[in-house]
N, C-alpha and C. Protein backbone atom coordinates (compact mmCIF):
# COMPACT_ATOMS: atom_id res chain seq x y z
N MET A 1 118.36 94.21 110.61
CA MET A 1 117.71 93.78 109.40
C MET A 1 117.48 92.31 109.43
N ILE A 2 118.37 91.57 109.96
CA ILE A 2 118.20 90.08 110.04
C ILE A 2 116.99 89.80 110.94
N GLY A 3 116.83 90.55 111.99
CA GLY A 3 115.70 90.35 112.90
C GLY A 3 114.40 90.64 112.15
N MET A 4 114.37 91.62 111.28
CA MET A 4 113.15 91.91 110.48
C MET A 4 112.81 90.70 109.58
N ILE A 5 113.81 90.14 108.96
CA ILE A 5 113.61 88.99 108.11
C ILE A 5 113.05 87.81 108.90
N GLU A 6 113.66 87.57 110.08
CA GLU A 6 113.21 86.50 110.99
C GLU A 6 111.73 86.75 111.40
N ASP A 7 111.39 87.97 111.71
CA ASP A 7 110.03 88.26 112.10
C ASP A 7 109.04 88.01 110.97
N TYR A 8 109.43 88.35 109.73
CA TYR A 8 108.59 88.09 108.61
C TYR A 8 108.41 86.56 108.48
N ARG A 9 109.45 85.83 108.55
CA ARG A 9 109.37 84.38 108.37
C ARG A 9 108.51 83.71 109.50
N LYS A 10 108.47 84.35 110.63
CA LYS A 10 107.63 83.85 111.77
C LYS A 10 106.21 84.30 111.66
N GLY A 11 105.89 85.14 110.65
CA GLY A 11 104.56 85.67 110.47
C GLY A 11 104.22 86.82 111.37
N LYS A 12 105.24 87.44 111.95
CA LYS A 12 105.00 88.59 112.81
C LYS A 12 104.90 89.92 112.04
N THR A 13 105.28 89.94 110.79
CA THR A 13 105.35 91.17 110.02
C THR A 13 104.76 90.91 108.62
N GLN A 14 104.03 91.94 108.11
CA GLN A 14 103.55 91.87 106.80
C GLN A 14 104.70 92.06 105.79
N TYR A 15 104.53 91.58 104.58
CA TYR A 15 105.64 91.65 103.59
C TYR A 15 106.04 93.10 103.27
N THR A 16 105.04 93.96 103.04
CA THR A 16 105.42 95.31 102.68
C THR A 16 106.13 96.07 103.87
N ALA A 17 105.70 95.73 105.08
CA ALA A 17 106.38 96.29 106.25
C ALA A 17 107.87 95.87 106.29
N LEU A 18 108.09 94.58 105.93
CA LEU A 18 109.43 94.11 105.90
C LEU A 18 110.27 94.86 104.87
N VAL A 19 109.79 94.95 103.67
CA VAL A 19 110.58 95.61 102.57
C VAL A 19 110.87 97.03 102.91
N TYR A 20 109.87 97.77 103.39
CA TYR A 20 110.19 99.18 103.63
C TYR A 20 110.87 99.34 104.97
N GLY A 21 110.79 98.38 105.89
CA GLY A 21 111.52 98.40 107.11
C GLY A 21 113.01 98.22 106.80
N LEU A 22 113.32 97.32 105.89
CA LEU A 22 114.70 97.14 105.46
C LEU A 22 115.28 98.41 104.86
N GLU A 23 114.52 99.04 104.01
CA GLU A 23 114.96 100.27 103.40
C GLU A 23 115.22 101.34 104.46
N GLY A 24 114.27 101.46 105.38
CA GLY A 24 114.45 102.42 106.46
C GLY A 24 115.64 102.17 107.32
N ALA A 25 115.92 100.89 107.57
CA ALA A 25 117.10 100.55 108.40
C ALA A 25 118.35 100.90 107.66
N LEU A 26 118.38 100.76 106.37
CA LEU A 26 119.60 101.14 105.58
C LEU A 26 119.76 102.66 105.68
N ASP A 27 118.64 103.37 105.50
CA ASP A 27 118.68 104.84 105.50
C ASP A 27 119.20 105.34 106.95
N VAL A 28 118.65 104.78 107.95
CA VAL A 28 118.98 105.19 109.34
C VAL A 28 120.45 104.90 109.63
N GLY A 29 120.96 103.78 109.02
CA GLY A 29 122.36 103.40 109.24
C GLY A 29 123.38 104.36 108.69
N GLU A 30 122.97 105.17 107.74
CA GLU A 30 123.85 106.15 107.09
C GLU A 30 125.20 105.47 106.75
N PHE A 31 125.16 104.38 106.06
CA PHE A 31 126.38 103.63 105.68
C PHE A 31 127.17 104.38 104.67
N ASN A 32 128.44 104.48 104.88
CA ASN A 32 129.32 105.21 104.01
C ASN A 32 130.00 104.41 102.91
N ASN A 33 129.93 103.10 103.05
CA ASN A 33 130.59 102.21 102.10
C ASN A 33 129.68 102.10 100.84
N LYS A 34 130.00 102.81 99.81
CA LYS A 34 129.16 102.85 98.62
C LYS A 34 129.04 101.56 97.96
N VAL A 35 130.06 100.75 97.91
CA VAL A 35 129.99 99.41 97.31
C VAL A 35 129.04 98.52 98.04
N LEU A 36 129.15 98.55 99.38
CA LEU A 36 128.28 97.72 100.23
C LEU A 36 126.83 98.12 99.98
N VAL A 37 126.57 99.42 99.96
CA VAL A 37 125.17 99.88 99.82
C VAL A 37 124.71 99.51 98.41
N GLU A 38 125.53 99.61 97.44
CA GLU A 38 125.08 99.13 96.06
C GLU A 38 124.74 97.67 96.04
N HIS A 39 125.58 96.86 96.68
CA HIS A 39 125.27 95.39 96.75
C HIS A 39 123.96 95.19 97.52
N TRP A 40 123.76 95.90 98.62
CA TRP A 40 122.53 95.80 99.40
C TRP A 40 121.32 96.04 98.49
N HIS A 41 121.41 97.15 97.70
CA HIS A 41 120.28 97.48 96.82
C HIS A 41 120.05 96.34 95.75
N ASN A 42 121.11 95.71 95.35
CA ASN A 42 120.98 94.60 94.40
C ASN A 42 120.13 93.45 94.96
N TYR A 43 120.28 93.23 96.26
CA TYR A 43 119.47 92.21 96.89
C TYR A 43 118.10 92.69 97.28
N TRP A 44 117.96 93.95 97.60
CA TRP A 44 116.66 94.51 98.04
C TRP A 44 115.75 94.77 96.87
N THR A 45 116.23 95.17 95.70
CA THR A 45 115.39 95.56 94.59
C THR A 45 114.38 94.47 94.20
N PRO A 46 114.76 93.21 94.04
CA PRO A 46 113.70 92.18 93.72
C PRO A 46 112.65 92.13 94.81
N LEU A 47 113.00 92.29 96.04
CA LEU A 47 112.01 92.27 97.17
C LEU A 47 111.07 93.45 96.97
N GLU A 48 111.58 94.63 96.61
CA GLU A 48 110.77 95.81 96.44
C GLU A 48 109.85 95.67 95.22
N ILE A 49 110.36 95.05 94.18
CA ILE A 49 109.51 94.85 93.00
C ILE A 49 108.32 93.99 93.34
N LEU A 50 108.55 92.92 94.09
CA LEU A 50 107.45 92.04 94.48
C LEU A 50 106.47 92.80 95.41
N SER A 51 107.02 93.63 96.25
CA SER A 51 106.13 94.45 97.14
C SER A 51 105.30 95.38 96.26
N ALA A 52 105.87 95.98 95.28
CA ALA A 52 105.10 96.90 94.42
C ALA A 52 104.09 96.20 93.55
N THR A 53 104.37 94.96 93.16
CA THR A 53 103.46 94.26 92.21
C THR A 53 102.46 93.37 92.96
N LYS A 54 102.86 92.79 94.09
CA LYS A 54 101.96 91.87 94.77
C LYS A 54 101.57 92.33 96.19
N GLY A 55 102.36 93.28 96.68
CA GLY A 55 102.04 93.80 98.05
C GLY A 55 102.10 92.70 99.09
N ASP A 56 101.16 92.77 100.03
CA ASP A 56 101.13 91.73 101.07
C ASP A 56 100.57 90.40 100.67
N SER A 57 100.12 90.31 99.37
CA SER A 57 99.65 89.04 98.89
C SER A 57 100.82 88.19 98.31
N ALA A 58 102.02 88.73 98.33
CA ALA A 58 103.21 87.95 97.93
C ALA A 58 103.34 86.76 98.91
N THR A 59 103.54 85.61 98.34
CA THR A 59 103.64 84.38 99.18
C THR A 59 105.08 84.14 99.49
N THR A 60 105.28 83.24 100.48
CA THR A 60 106.67 82.90 100.86
C THR A 60 107.36 82.23 99.65
N ASP A 61 106.59 81.49 98.82
CA ASP A 61 107.20 80.93 97.66
C ASP A 61 107.64 82.01 96.65
N ASP A 62 106.90 83.09 96.61
CA ASP A 62 107.27 84.19 95.69
C ASP A 62 108.58 84.86 96.12
N VAL A 63 108.76 85.03 97.44
CA VAL A 63 109.87 85.81 97.98
C VAL A 63 111.03 85.05 98.50
N ASP A 64 110.83 83.73 98.67
CA ASP A 64 111.86 82.97 99.40
C ASP A 64 113.30 83.06 98.83
N LYS A 65 113.41 82.89 97.56
CA LYS A 65 114.84 82.96 97.00
C LYS A 65 115.44 84.31 97.16
N TYR A 66 114.66 85.40 96.99
CA TYR A 66 115.19 86.70 97.12
C TYR A 66 115.49 87.06 98.61
N LEU A 67 114.58 86.61 99.47
CA LEU A 67 114.74 86.87 100.90
C LEU A 67 115.92 86.05 101.43
N SER A 68 116.08 84.86 100.99
CA SER A 68 117.21 84.02 101.41
C SER A 68 118.53 84.60 100.97
N ALA A 69 118.53 85.14 99.75
CA ALA A 69 119.76 85.80 99.25
C ALA A 69 120.09 87.02 100.07
N MET A 70 119.10 87.86 100.40
CA MET A 70 119.31 89.05 101.25
C MET A 70 119.80 88.61 102.62
N ASP A 71 119.17 87.63 103.21
CA ASP A 71 119.60 87.13 104.56
C ASP A 71 121.06 86.66 104.53
N PHE A 72 121.41 85.86 103.51
CA PHE A 72 122.77 85.38 103.38
C PHE A 72 123.77 86.55 103.21
N PHE A 73 123.40 87.50 102.39
CA PHE A 73 124.23 88.64 102.17
C PHE A 73 124.44 89.41 103.54
N LEU A 74 123.40 89.67 104.26
CA LEU A 74 123.54 90.44 105.49
C LEU A 74 124.37 89.69 106.53
N ARG A 75 124.16 88.40 106.61
CA ARG A 75 124.92 87.60 107.60
C ARG A 75 126.43 87.52 107.26
N ASN A 76 126.79 87.84 106.08
CA ASN A 76 128.18 87.71 105.64
C ASN A 76 128.82 89.02 105.37
N GLN A 77 128.31 90.09 105.88
CA GLN A 77 128.90 91.44 105.61
C GLN A 77 129.43 92.03 106.89
N SER A 78 130.70 91.95 107.08
CA SER A 78 131.29 92.67 108.20
C SER A 78 131.27 94.16 107.91
N GLY A 79 131.10 94.52 106.68
CA GLY A 79 131.07 95.92 106.25
C GLY A 79 129.99 96.76 106.84
N PHE A 80 128.96 96.12 107.34
CA PHE A 80 127.90 96.86 107.98
C PHE A 80 128.36 97.41 109.35
N CYS A 81 129.47 96.83 109.82
CA CYS A 81 130.10 97.37 111.06
C CYS A 81 131.29 98.22 110.68
N ASP A 82 131.98 97.84 109.67
CA ASP A 82 133.16 98.60 109.17
C ASP A 82 132.73 99.47 108.07
N GLN A 83 132.53 100.76 108.34
CA GLN A 83 131.99 101.69 107.35
C GLN A 83 133.04 102.47 106.62
N GLY A 84 133.97 101.69 106.02
CA GLY A 84 134.99 102.37 105.20
C GLY A 84 134.32 103.04 104.00
N ASP A 85 135.03 103.81 103.25
CA ASP A 85 134.39 104.53 102.19
C ASP A 85 134.11 103.70 100.95
N GLY A 86 134.64 102.48 100.88
CA GLY A 86 134.31 101.57 99.79
C GLY A 86 134.93 101.90 98.49
N GLU A 87 135.89 102.84 98.49
CA GLU A 87 136.51 103.23 97.22
C GLU A 87 137.92 102.74 97.17
């Protein structure tokens, strides 16, 4: 997921591809930690709303604070490797 964010920031990926790629990566990961997944969705939802409202015309200024928050969250979650049940 971090690589996807980096690719978007380098201009290698369209915004909508990033947003739905992140969602797909979460789905493929089959993460069992419900709390971790809930937090992930809290960071992803603003990105998805911008994708739905602005699509690929969303600017880096539009998405930067949300994308930075998601990036920070991902980089600080050992839980993506430790898939405890979160309960």
